[in-house]
Amino acid sequence: MTRYNPLLTQIKYQMQRQLKIKLNESFNLIVSFVIAPLLALLTALIFRSDPELTYNDSYASFLFFMLIAGVFFGLLSSVFEIIKDKTVIQRERLGRISSVGYFVAKYFTLALFGVIQVVLFNAVSAWLLDIAMPVFLFNTLIMYLLLLISIAVGLWVSALVSTTLMASNLIPILIIPQILLGGLIPYSSMDRLLFMGADEASVPPIARIIPVKYAYEAIVTGNVAFSSSVEEINDKISEMVGFSESGGFMSLDAPETFWCGDSGFCSLMWFFDIIVLVFYLLTTLLLGYFTFKRRIYDA
């Protein structure tokens, strides 16, 4: 006799339900899938100082705002999801709906539609900026990983607030600090108070909790690593990688811990940053689930 895992059955049921709900919101889906390539078109055109990637001095800035777009996609798709279902969840709890099943299904449904947005964004960008396939795949990976973290953060916020208005008011607070402290703006130009007594040639402690910082580090060094030589990367990227060796931008401040050979293969740095981002993802998922269970499911 076949035995079914109740949790897996709940997740399967909730996934089917969440997918059906999303597919019924056809207008919202079309808008979200149209916004991604349009935003990519606008961003790529703004940061295309030269059609050839090697001479495009604005490419590093493009990478940063590409990541910010990933944060925007993730937060906007998730920050209202739990709070708007609050009444339904509390009613269906009486029917012994699984809190884990609901949360996991909600997350994976949003992640599924998120990957479509990320691929569309990067496909348009790669076409306009002449990005090679290995770099395109790496950029897509880092942007998607950041989007997954943003979805987890959005679900946590959605479980934490009491109204959709509060959730919408928190979106700028979640995005703007990541723009300011993500690494595009030189830390050396910031007020000394941000360093909280730490070495002012290093990274401000507050910036070390910003996911975009690690994603930007990874994508900058990864663009060098997944090109055949440093000469194939534009001067701005090479300049930022050089800046990293002095500890002014990267997570690992000691120059000896950052290896970058003649080939420019900086795998240590981007691999380290991916590990940090995965840690962020797991932490925010657990935080979001337990907040959801305590404030929504068990309320």
C-alpha atoms as a PDB file:
ATOM      1  CA  MET A   1       0.000   0.000   0.000  1.00  0.00           C
ATOM      2  CA  THR A   2       1.420   3.418  -0.967  1.00  0.00           C
ATOM      3  CA  ARG A   3       1.885   5.879   1.840  1.00  0.00           C
ATOM      4  CA  TYR A   4       1.861   9.598   1.176  1.00  0.00           C
ATOM      5  CA  ASN A   5       3.753  12.186   3.158  1.00  0.00           C
ATOM      6  CA  PRO A   6       1.140  14.643   4.460  1.00  0.00           C
ATOM      7  CA  LEU A   7       3.599  17.535   4.221  1.00  0.00           C
ATOM      8  CA  LEU A   8       4.499  16.770   0.605  1.00  0.00           C
ATOM      9  CA  THR A   9       0.806  16.400  -0.191  1.00  0.00           C
ATOM     10  CA  GLN A  10       0.115  19.782   1.393  1.00  0.00           C
ATOM     11  CA  ILE A  11       2.974  21.418  -0.535  1.00  0.00           C
ATOM     12  CA  LYS A  12       1.732  19.885  -3.800  1.00  0.00           C
ATOM     13  CA  TYR A  13      -1.832  21.058  -3.124  1.00  0.00           C
ATOM     14  CA  GLN A  14      -0.712  24.548  -2.149  1.00  0.00           C
ATOM     15  CA  MET A  15       1.588  24.812  -5.180  1.00  0.00           C
ATOM     16  CA  GLN A  16      -1.275  23.939  -7.512  1.00  0.00           C
ATOM     17  CA  ARG A  17      -3.480  26.447  -5.745  1.00  0.00           C
ATOM     18  CA  GLN A  18      -0.913  29.254  -5.789  1.00  0.00           C
ATOM     19  CA  LEU A  19      -0.135  28.647  -9.466  1.00  0.00           C
ATOM     20  CA  LYS A  20      -3.824  28.754 -10.303  1.00  0.00           C
ATOM     21  CA  ILE A  21      -4.236  32.037  -8.410  1.00  0.00           C
ATOM     22  CA  LYS A  22      -1.244  33.574 -10.189  1.00  0.00           C
ATOM     23  CA  LEU A  23      -2.339  32.408 -13.632  1.00  0.00           C
ATOM     24  CA  ASN A  24      -5.805  33.856 -13.034  1.00  0.00           C
ATOM     25  CA  GLU A  25      -4.166  37.243 -12.448  1.00  0.00           C
ATOM     26  CA  SER A  26      -3.394  37.430 -16.150  1.00  0.00           C
ATOM     27  CA  PHE A  27      -3.150  41.231 -16.332  1.00  0.00           C
ATOM     28  CA  ASN A  28      -0.637  41.420 -13.470  1.00  0.00           C
ATOM     29  CA  LEU A  29       1.409  38.628 -15.033  1.00  0.00           C
ATOM     30  CA  ILE A  30       1.533  40.341 -18.401  1.00  0.00           C
ATOM     31  CA  VAL A  31       2.566  43.616 -16.788  1.00  0.00           C
ATOM     32  CA  SER A  32       5.347  41.952 -14.752  1.00  0.00           C
ATOM     33  CA  PHE A  33       6.682  40.083 -17.789  1.00  0.00           C
ATOM     34  CA  VAL A  34       6.560  43.219 -19.946  1.00  0.00           C
ATOM     35  CA  ILE A  35       8.216  45.417 -17.325  1.00  0.00           C
ATOM     36  CA  ALA A  36      11.310  43.176 -17.097  1.00  0.00           C
ATOM     37  CA  PRO A  37      12.442  43.499 -20.753  1.00  0.00           C
ATOM     38  CA  LEU A  38      11.380  47.172 -20.922  1.00  0.00           C
ATOM     39  CA  LEU A  39      13.403  47.974 -17.817  1.00  0.00           C
ATOM     40  CA  ALA A  40      16.331  46.031 -19.271  1.00  0.00           C
ATOM     41  CA  LEU A  41      16.039  48.006 -22.508  1.00  0.00           C
ATOM     42  CA  LEU A  42      16.035  51.325 -20.661  1.00  0.00           C
ATOM     43  CA  THR A  43      18.882  50.374 -18.314  1.00  0.00           C
ATOM     44  CA  ALA A  44      21.072  48.945 -21.080  1.00  0.00           C
ATOM     45  CA  LEU A  45      20.600  51.996 -23.304  1.00  0.00           C
ATOM     46  CA  ILE A  46      21.416  54.369 -20.444  1.00  0.00           C
ATOM     47  CA  PHE A  47      24.581  52.472 -19.528  1.00  0.00           C
ATOM     48  CA  ARG A  48      25.843  51.734 -23.045  1.00  0.00           C
ATOM     49  CA  SER A  49      28.564  54.313 -23.627  1.00  0.00           C
ATOM     50  CA  ASP A  50      29.935  52.070 -26.391  1.00  0.00           C
ATOM     51  CA  PRO A  51      28.268  49.212 -28.328  1.00  0.00           C
ATOM     52  CA  GLU A  52      31.336  47.024 -27.712  1.00  0.00           C
ATOM     53  CA  LEU A  53      31.457  45.734 -24.156  1.00  0.00           C
ATOM     54  CA  THR A  54      35.241  46.105 -23.887  1.00  0.00           C
ATOM     55  CA  TYR A  55      34.991  49.877 -24.282  1.00  0.00           C
ATOM     56  CA  ASN A  56      31.745  50.406 -22.396  1.00  0.00           C
ATOM     57  CA  ASP A  57      32.893  52.386 -19.357  1.00  0.00           C
ATOM     58  CA  SER A  58      29.376  52.360 -17.902  1.00  0.00           C
ATOM     59  CA  TYR A  59      29.087  48.569 -17.758  1.00  0.00           C
ATOM     60  CA  ALA A  60      29.966  48.383 -14.038  1.00  0.00           C
ATOM     61  CA  SER A  61      27.128  50.809 -13.290  1.00  0.00           C
ATOM     62  CA  PHE A  62      24.788  48.722 -15.439  1.00  0.00           C
ATOM     63  CA  LEU A  63      25.618  45.621 -13.383  1.00  0.00           C
ATOM     64  CA  PHE A  64      24.748  47.447 -10.186  1.00  0.00           C
ATOM     65  CA  PHE A  65      21.363  48.677 -11.383  1.00  0.00           C
ATOM     66  CA  MET A  66      20.642  45.250 -12.853  1.00  0.00           C
ATOM     67  CA  LEU A  67      20.954  43.888  -9.314  1.00  0.00           C
ATOM     68  CA  ILE A  68      18.727  46.659  -7.968  1.00  0.00           C
ATOM     69  CA  ALA A  69      16.140  45.613 -10.559  1.00  0.00           C
ATOM     70  CA  GLY A  70      16.333  42.080  -9.134  1.00  0.00           C
ATOM     71  CA  VAL A  71      15.677  43.446  -5.636  1.00  0.00           C
ATOM     72  CA  PHE A  72      12.749  45.462  -6.994  1.00  0.00           C
ATOM     73  CA  PHE A  73      11.221  42.446  -8.784  1.00  0.00           C
ATOM     74  CA  GLY A  74      11.544  40.250  -5.693  1.00  0.00           C
ATOM     75  CA  LEU A  75      10.126  42.713  -3.189  1.00  0.00           C
ATOM     76  CA  LEU A  76       7.262  43.913  -5.343  1.00  0.00           C
ATOM     77  CA  SER A  77       6.116  40.361  -6.057  1.00  0.00           C
ATOM     78  CA  SER A  78       6.150  39.219  -2.422  1.00  0.00           C
ATOM     79  CA  VAL A  79       5.660  42.082   0.019  1.00  0.00           C
ATOM     80  CA  PHE A  80       1.838  41.971  -0.162  1.00  0.00           C
ATOM     81  CA  GLU A  81       1.366  38.212  -0.541  1.00  0.00           C
ATOM     82  CA  ILE A  82       0.875  37.062   3.061  1.00  0.00           C
ATOM     83  CA  ILE A  83      -0.869  40.100   4.496  1.00  0.00           C
ATOM     84  CA  LYS A  84      -3.548  39.986   1.793  1.00  0.00           C
ATOM     85  CA  ASP A  85      -4.147  36.268   2.540  1.00  0.00           C
ATOM     86  CA  LYS A  86      -4.304  36.761   6.314  1.00  0.00           C
ATOM     87  CA  THR A  87      -8.039  36.220   6.698  1.00  0.00           C
ATOM     88  CA  VAL A  88      -8.061  33.212   4.367  1.00  0.00           C
ATOM     89  CA  ILE A  89      -5.104  31.599   6.155  1.00  0.00           C
ATOM     90  CA  GLN A  90      -6.652  31.977   9.599  1.00  0.00           C
ATOM     91  CA  ARG A  91      -9.939  30.527   8.358  1.00  0.00           C
ATOM     92  CA  GLU A  92      -8.347  27.603   6.551  1.00  0.00           C
ATOM     93  CA  ARG A  93      -6.151  26.821   9.535  1.00  0.00           C
ATOM     94  CA  LEU A  94      -9.273  25.298  11.083  1.00  0.00           C
ATOM     95  CA  GLY A  95      -9.128  22.782   8.238  1.00  0.00           C
ATOM     96  CA  ARG A  96      -5.587  21.900   9.351  1.00  0.00           C
ATOM     97  CA  ILE A  97      -3.839  23.582   6.453  1.00  0.00           C
ATOM     98  CA  SER A  98      -0.068  23.178   6.854  1.00  0.00           C
ATOM     99  CA  SER A  99       1.866  26.351   7.681  1.00  0.00           C
ATOM    100  CA  VAL A 100       5.003  24.877   6.097  1.00  0.00           C
ATOM    101  CA  GLY A 101       3.060  23.778   3.018  1.00  0.00           C
ATOM    102  CA  TYR A 102       1.573  27.240   2.512  1.00  0.00           C
ATOM    103  CA  PHE A 103       4.827  29.134   3.041  1.00  0.00           C
ATOM    104  CA  VAL A 104       6.963  26.832   0.875  1.00  0.00           C
ATOM    105  CA  ALA A 105       4.382  26.813  -1.917  1.00  0.00           C
ATOM    106  CA  LYS A 106       4.032  30.588  -1.796  1.00  0.00           C
ATOM    107  CA  TYR A 107       7.794  31.049  -1.968  1.00  0.00           C
ATOM    108  CA  PHE A 108       8.418  28.606  -4.806  1.00  0.00           C
ATOM    109  CA  THR A 109       5.530  29.982  -6.847  1.00  0.00           C
ATOM    110  CA  LEU A 110       6.992  33.484  -6.633  1.00  0.00           C
ATOM    111  CA  ALA A 111      10.475  32.111  -7.378  1.00  0.00           C
ATOM    112  CA  LEU A 112       9.156  30.338 -10.477  1.00  0.00           C
ATOM    113  CA  PHE A 113       7.716  33.512 -11.971  1.00  0.00           C
ATOM    114  CA  GLY A 114      10.768  35.449 -10.816  1.00  0.00           C
ATOM    115  CA  VAL A 115      13.125  33.338 -12.925  1.00  0.00           C
ATOM    116  CA  ILE A 116      11.157  34.319 -16.036  1.00  0.00           C
ATOM    117  CA  GLN A 117      11.621  38.007 -15.220  1.00  0.00           C
ATOM    118  CA  VAL A 118      15.358  37.565 -14.619  1.00  0.00           C
ATOM    119  CA  VAL A 119      15.912  35.631 -17.850  1.00  0.00           C
ATOM    120  CA  LEU A 120      13.951  38.202 -19.867  1.00  0.00           C
ATOM    121  CA  PHE A 121      15.909  41.058 -18.310  1.00  0.00           C
ATOM    122  CA  ASN A 122      19.292  39.455 -18.945  1.00  0.00           C
ATOM    123  CA  ALA A 123      18.435  38.275 -22.454  1.00  0.00           C
ATOM    124  CA  VAL A 124      17.568  41.800 -23.591  1.00  0.00           C
ATOM    125  CA  SER A 125      20.622  43.217 -21.795  1.00  0.00           C
ATOM    126  CA  ALA A 126      22.991  40.654 -23.301  1.00  0.00           C
ATOM    127  CA  TRP A 127      21.688  41.441 -26.788  1.00  0.00           C
ATOM    128  CA  LEU A 128      22.106  45.202 -26.402  1.00  0.00           C
ATOM    129  CA  LEU A 129      25.438  45.161 -24.555  1.00  0.00           C
ATOM    130  CA  ASP A 130      27.129  42.356 -26.496  1.00  0.00           C
ATOM    131  CA  ILE A 131      27.544  40.147 -23.422  1.00  0.00           C
ATOM    132  CA  ALA A 132      29.065  36.700 -24.038  1.00  0.00           C
ATOM    133  CA  MET A 133      27.141  33.561 -23.025  1.00  0.00           C
ATOM    134  CA  PRO A 134      29.295  32.584 -19.971  1.00  0.00           C
ATOM    135  CA  VAL A 135      28.973  36.091 -18.535  1.00  0.00           C
ATOM    136  CA  PHE A 136      25.249  36.171 -19.398  1.00  0.00           C
ATOM    137  CA  LEU A 137      24.703  32.942 -17.440  1.00  0.00           C
ATOM    138  CA  PHE A 138      26.713  34.192 -14.477  1.00  0.00           C
ATOM    139  CA  ASN A 139      24.894  37.544 -14.412  1.00  0.00           C
ATOM    140  CA  THR A 140      21.572  35.701 -14.529  1.00  0.00           C
ATOM    141  CA  LEU A 141      22.614  33.469 -11.616  1.00  0.00           C
ATOM    142  CA  ILE A 142      23.653  36.351  -9.350  1.00  0.00           C
ATOM    143  CA  MET A 143      20.610  38.464 -10.194  1.00  0.00           C
ATOM    144  CA  TYR A 144      18.293  35.501  -9.559  1.00  0.00           C
ATOM    145  CA  LEU A 145      19.976  34.686  -6.254  1.00  0.00           C
ATOM    146  CA  LEU A 146      19.435  38.277  -5.137  1.00  0.00           C
ATOM    147  CA  LEU A 147      15.814  38.108  -6.321  1.00  0.00           C
ATOM    148  CA  LEU A 148      15.296  34.951  -4.218  1.00  0.00           C
ATOM    149  CA  ILE A 149      16.636  36.755  -1.153  1.00  0.00           C
ATOM    150  CA  SER A 150      14.335  39.708  -1.882  1.00  0.00           C
ATOM    151  CA  ILE A 151      11.314  37.401  -2.148  1.00  0.00           C
ATOM    152  CA  ALA A 152      12.185  35.911   1.251  1.00  0.00           C
ATOM    153  CA  VAL A 153      12.577  39.400   2.743  1.00  0.00           C
ATOM    154  CA  GLY A 154       9.285  40.472   1.167  1.00  0.00           C
ATOM    155  CA  LEU A 155       7.407  37.505   2.650  1.00  0.00           C
ATOM    156  CA  TRP A 156       8.945  38.230   6.059  1.00  0.00           C
ATOM    157  CA  VAL A 157       7.815  41.871   5.857  1.00  0.00           C
ATOM    158  CA  SER A 158       4.386  40.785   4.634  1.00  0.00           C
ATOM    159  CA  ALA A 159       4.018  38.550   7.687  1.00  0.00           C
ATOM    160  CA  LEU A 160       5.323  41.266  10.007  1.00  0.00           C
ATOM    161  CA  VAL A 161       3.103  44.230   9.052  1.00  0.00           C
ATOM    162  CA  SER A 162      -0.591  44.595   9.726  1.00  0.00           C
ATOM    163  CA  THR A 163      -1.704  46.382   6.536  1.00  0.00           C
ATOM    164  CA  THR A 164      -0.748  46.527   2.879  1.00  0.00           C
ATOM    165  CA  LEU A 165      -0.180  50.276   3.285  1.00  0.00           C
ATOM    166  CA  MET A 166       2.538  49.604   5.849  1.00  0.00           C
ATOM    167  CA  ALA A 167       4.095  47.051   3.525  1.00  0.00           C
ATOM    168  CA  SER A 168       4.174  49.494   0.608  1.00  0.00           C
ATOM    169  CA  ASN A 169       5.715  52.188   2.819  1.00  0.00           C
ATOM    170  CA  LEU A 170       8.549  49.840   3.739  1.00  0.00           C
ATOM    171  CA  ILE A 171       9.574  49.147   0.130  1.00  0.00           C
ATOM    172  CA  PRO A 172      11.691  52.342  -0.213  1.00  0.00           C
ATOM    173  CA  ILE A 173      13.323  51.642   3.162  1.00  0.00           C
ATOM    174  CA  LEU A 174      14.304  48.189   1.930  1.00  0.00           C
ATOM    175  CA  ILE A 175      15.630  49.351  -1.457  1.00  0.00           C
ATOM    176  CA  ILE A 176      17.253  52.786  -0.976  1.00  0.00           C
ATOM    177  CA  PRO A 177      19.897  51.718   1.615  1.00  0.00           C
ATOM    178  CA  GLN A 178      20.955  48.948  -0.762  1.00  0.00           C
ATOM    179  CA  ILE A 179      21.463  51.515  -3.521  1.00  0.00           C
ATOM    180  CA  LEU A 180      23.450  53.815  -1.241  1.00  0.00           C
ATOM    181  CA  LEU A 181      25.577  51.144   0.462  1.00  0.00           C
ATOM    182  CA  GLY A 182      25.761  48.464  -2.226  1.00  0.00           C
ATOM    183  CA  GLY A 183      29.219  49.452  -3.461  1.00  0.00           C
ATOM    184  CA  LEU A 184      28.610  51.689  -6.465  1.00  0.00           C
ATOM    185  CA  ILE A 185      29.136  54.835  -4.396  1.00  0.00           C
ATOM    186  CA  PRO A 186      32.724  54.829  -3.037  1.00  0.00           C
ATOM    187  CA  TYR A 187      32.774  54.264   0.706  1.00  0.00           C
ATOM    188  CA  SER A 188      35.701  56.666   0.982  1.00  0.00           C
ATOM    189  CA  SER A 189      33.352  59.548   0.125  1.00  0.00           C
ATOM    190  CA  MET A 190      30.956  58.755   2.977  1.00  0.00           C
ATOM    191  CA  ASP A 191      30.755  60.344   6.408  1.00  0.00           C
ATOM    192  CA  ARG A 192      33.184  58.970   8.992  1.00  0.00           C
ATOM    193  CA  LEU A 193      30.299  58.233  11.376  1.00  0.00           C
ATOM    194  CA  LEU A 194      29.285  55.308   9.191  1.00  0.00           C
ATOM    195  CA  PHE A 195      32.576  53.553   9.955  1.00  0.00           C
ATOM    196  CA  MET A 196      31.753  53.437  13.696  1.00  0.00           C
ATOM    197  CA  GLY A 197      35.415  53.602  14.664  1.00  0.00           C
ATOM    198  CA  ALA A 198      36.511  50.959  12.143  1.00  0.00           C
ATOM    199  CA  ASP A 199      39.337  51.433   9.651  1.00  0.00           C
ATOM    200  CA  GLU A 200      38.170  54.187   7.324  1.00  0.00           C
ATOM    201  CA  ALA A 201      40.023  52.540   4.419  1.00  0.00           C
ATOM    202  CA  SER A 202      37.753  49.532   4.843  1.00  0.00           C
ATOM    203  CA  VAL A 203      34.021  48.940   4.390  1.00  0.00           C
ATOM    204  CA  PRO A 204      31.551  50.600   6.819  1.00  0.00           C
ATOM    205  CA  PRO A 205      30.126  47.961   9.193  1.00  0.00           C
ATOM    206  CA  ILE A 206      26.571  48.883   8.190  1.00  0.00           C
ATOM    207  CA  ALA A 207      27.388  48.076   4.548  1.00  0.00           C
ATOM    208  CA  ARG A 208      28.382  44.533   5.501  1.00  0.00           C
ATOM    209  CA  ILE A 209      24.738  43.629   6.148  1.00  0.00           C
ATOM    210  CA  ILE A 210      23.633  44.761   2.679  1.00  0.00           C
ATOM    211  CA  PRO A 211      22.993  41.799   0.329  1.00  0.00           C
ATOM    212  CA  VAL A 212      23.517  43.936  -2.789  1.00  0.00           C
ATOM    213  CA  LYS A 213      27.096  44.599  -1.663  1.00  0.00           C
ATOM    214  CA  TYR A 214      27.976  40.902  -1.828  1.00  0.00           C
ATOM    215  CA  ALA A 215      26.060  40.411  -5.065  1.00  0.00           C
ATOM    216  CA  TYR A 216      27.885  43.360  -6.645  1.00  0.00           C
ATOM    217  CA  GLU A 217      31.243  42.034  -5.499  1.00  0.00           C
ATOM    218  CA  ALA A 218      30.412  38.647  -6.955  1.00  0.00           C
ATOM    219  CA  ILE A 219      29.203  39.978 -10.283  1.00  0.00           C
ATOM    220  CA  VAL A 220      32.155  42.330 -10.780  1.00  0.00           C
ATOM    221  CA  THR A 221      34.814  39.706 -10.054  1.00  0.00           C
ATOM    222  CA  GLY A 222      32.797  37.019 -11.817  1.00  0.00           C
ATOM    223  CA  ASN A 223      32.705  39.064 -15.003  1.00  0.00           C
ATOM    224  CA  VAL A 224      36.499  39.000 -14.958  1.00  0.00           C
ATOM    225  CA  ALA A 225      36.676  35.325 -14.013  1.00  0.00           C
ATOM    226  CA  PHE A 226      34.379  34.199 -16.813  1.00  0.00           C
ATOM    227  CA  SER A 227      36.226  36.075 -19.523  1.00  0.00           C
ATOM    228  CA  SER A 228      39.302  34.604 -21.185  1.00  0.00           C
ATOM    229  CA  SER A 229      41.526  37.540 -20.228  1.00  0.00           C
ATOM    230  CA  VAL A 230      41.453  40.868 -18.401  1.00  0.00           C
ATOM    231  CA  GLU A 231      41.841  42.629 -21.750  1.00  0.00           C
ATOM    232  CA  GLU A 232      38.356  41.510 -22.719  1.00  0.00           C
ATOM    233  CA  ILE A 233      36.815  43.412 -19.807  1.00  0.00           C
ATOM    234  CA  ASN A 234      36.379  47.161 -19.956  1.00  0.00           C
ATOM    235  CA  ASP A 235      38.627  49.493 -18.010  1.00  0.00           C
ATOM    236  CA  LYS A 236      35.980  50.314 -15.399  1.00  0.00           C
ATOM    237  CA  ILE A 237      35.602  46.661 -14.349  1.00  0.00           C
ATOM    238  CA  SER A 238      39.381  46.214 -14.224  1.00  0.00           C
ATOM    239  CA  GLU A 239      39.631  49.376 -12.129  1.00  0.00           C
ATOM    240  CA  MET A 240      37.077  48.071  -9.618  1.00  0.00           C
ATOM    241  CA  VAL A 241      38.844  44.712  -9.355  1.00  0.00           C
ATOM    242  CA  GLY A 242      42.096  46.571  -8.759  1.00  0.00           C
ATOM    243  CA  PHE A 243      40.349  48.676  -6.123  1.00  0.00           C
ATOM    244  CA  SER A 244      39.244  45.475  -4.406  1.00  0.00           C
ATOM    245  CA  GLU A 245      42.837  44.414  -3.801  1.00  0.00           C
ATOM    246  CA  SER A 246      43.350  47.418  -1.531  1.00  0.00           C
ATOM    247  CA  GLY A 247      40.404  46.372   0.626  1.00  0.00           C
ATOM    248  CA  GLY A 248      38.385  49.443  -0.267  1.00  0.00           C
ATOM    249  CA  PHE A 249      35.478  47.580  -1.797  1.00  0.00           C
ATOM    250  CA  MET A 250      35.591  43.856  -1.169  1.00  0.00           C
ATOM    251  CA  SER A 251      34.507  41.847   1.859  1.00  0.00           C
ATOM    252  CA  LEU A 252      37.933  40.422   2.605  1.00  0.00           C
ATOM    253  CA  ASP A 253      40.009  43.431   3.631  1.00  0.00           C
ATOM    254  CA  ALA A 254      43.451  41.817   3.771  1.00  0.00           C
ATOM    255  CA  PRO A 255      45.026  41.939   0.295  1.00  0.00           C
ATOM    256  CA  GLU A 256      46.734  38.583   0.795  1.00  0.00           C
ATOM    257  CA  THR A 257      43.355  36.847   1.138  1.00  0.00           C
ATOM    258  CA  PHE A 258      42.284  38.034  -2.283  1.00  0.00           C
ATOM    259  CA  TRP A 259      44.033  36.142  -5.056  1.00  0.00           C
ATOM    260  CA  CYS A 260      43.808  37.437  -8.568  1.00  0.00           C
ATOM    261  CA  GLY A 261      46.317  35.885 -10.943  1.00  0.00           C
ATOM    262  CA  ASP A 262      47.539  37.168 -14.278  1.00  0.00           C
ATOM    263  CA  SER A 263      44.507  35.661 -15.984  1.00  0.00           C
ATOM    264  CA  GLY A 264      42.170  37.679 -13.802  1.00  0.00           C
ATOM    265  CA  PHE A 265      40.458  34.564 -12.464  1.00  0.00           C
ATOM    266  CA  CYS A 266      39.081  35.930  -9.226  1.00  0.00           C
ATOM    267  CA  SER A 267      37.052  32.860  -8.303  1.00  0.00           C
ATOM    268  CA  LEU A 268      37.829  33.111  -4.596  1.00  0.00           C
ATOM    269  CA  MET A 269      35.938  36.355  -4.269  1.00  0.00           C
ATOM    270  CA  TRP A 270      32.804  35.577  -6.245  1.00  0.00           C
ATOM    271  CA  PHE A 271      32.536  32.107  -4.722  1.00  0.00           C
ATOM    272  CA  PHE A 272      32.841  33.575  -1.212  1.00  0.00           C
ATOM    273  CA  ASP A 273      30.129  36.116  -1.979  1.00  0.00           C
ATOM    274  CA  ILE A 274      27.780  33.454  -3.347  1.00  0.00           C
ATOM    275  CA  ILE A 275      28.191  31.515  -0.083  1.00  0.00           C
ATOM    276  CA  VAL A 276      27.287  34.683   1.854  1.00  0.00           C
ATOM    277  CA  LEU A 277      24.229  35.234  -0.347  1.00  0.00           C
ATOM    278  CA  VAL A 278      23.069  31.632   0.180  1.00  0.00           C
ATOM    279  CA  PHE A 279      23.418  32.192   3.932  1.00  0.00           C
ATOM    280  CA  TYR A 280      21.295  35.343   3.605  1.00  0.00           C
ATOM    281  CA  LEU A 281      18.685  33.362   1.684  1.00  0.00           C
ATOM    282  CA  LEU A 282      18.411  30.569   4.239  1.00  0.00           C
ATOM    283  CA  THR A 283      18.335  33.010   7.158  1.00  0.00           C
ATOM    284  CA  THR A 284      15.622  35.223   5.681  1.00  0.00           C
ATOM    285  CA  LEU A 285      13.539  32.188   4.721  1.00  0.00           C
ATOM    286  CA  LEU A 286      13.610  30.843   8.277  1.00  0.00           C
ATOM    287  CA  LEU A 287      12.946  34.302   9.710  1.00  0.00           C
ATOM    288  CA  GLY A 288      10.022  34.778   7.345  1.00  0.00           C
ATOM    289  CA  TYR A 289       8.503  31.377   8.098  1.00  0.00           C
ATOM    290  CA  PHE A 290       8.653  31.691  11.897  1.00  0.00           C
ATOM    291  CA  THR A 291       7.281  35.244  11.737  1.00  0.00           C
ATOM    292  CA  PHE A 292       4.460  34.009   9.496  1.00  0.00           C
ATOM    293  CA  LYS A 293       3.665  31.100  11.804  1.00  0.00           C
ATOM    294  CA  ARG A 294       3.622  33.188  14.951  1.00  0.00           C
ATOM    295  CA  ARG A 295       1.899  36.346  13.719  1.00  0.00           C
ATOM    296  CA  ILE A 296      -0.451  34.993  11.033  1.00  0.00           C
ATOM    297  CA  TYR A 297      -0.953  31.240  11.310  1.00  0.00           C
ATOM    298  CA  ASP A 298      -1.097  30.929  15.102  1.00  0.00           C
ATOM    299  CA  ALA A 299      -2.768  34.292  15.723  1.00  0.00           C
END
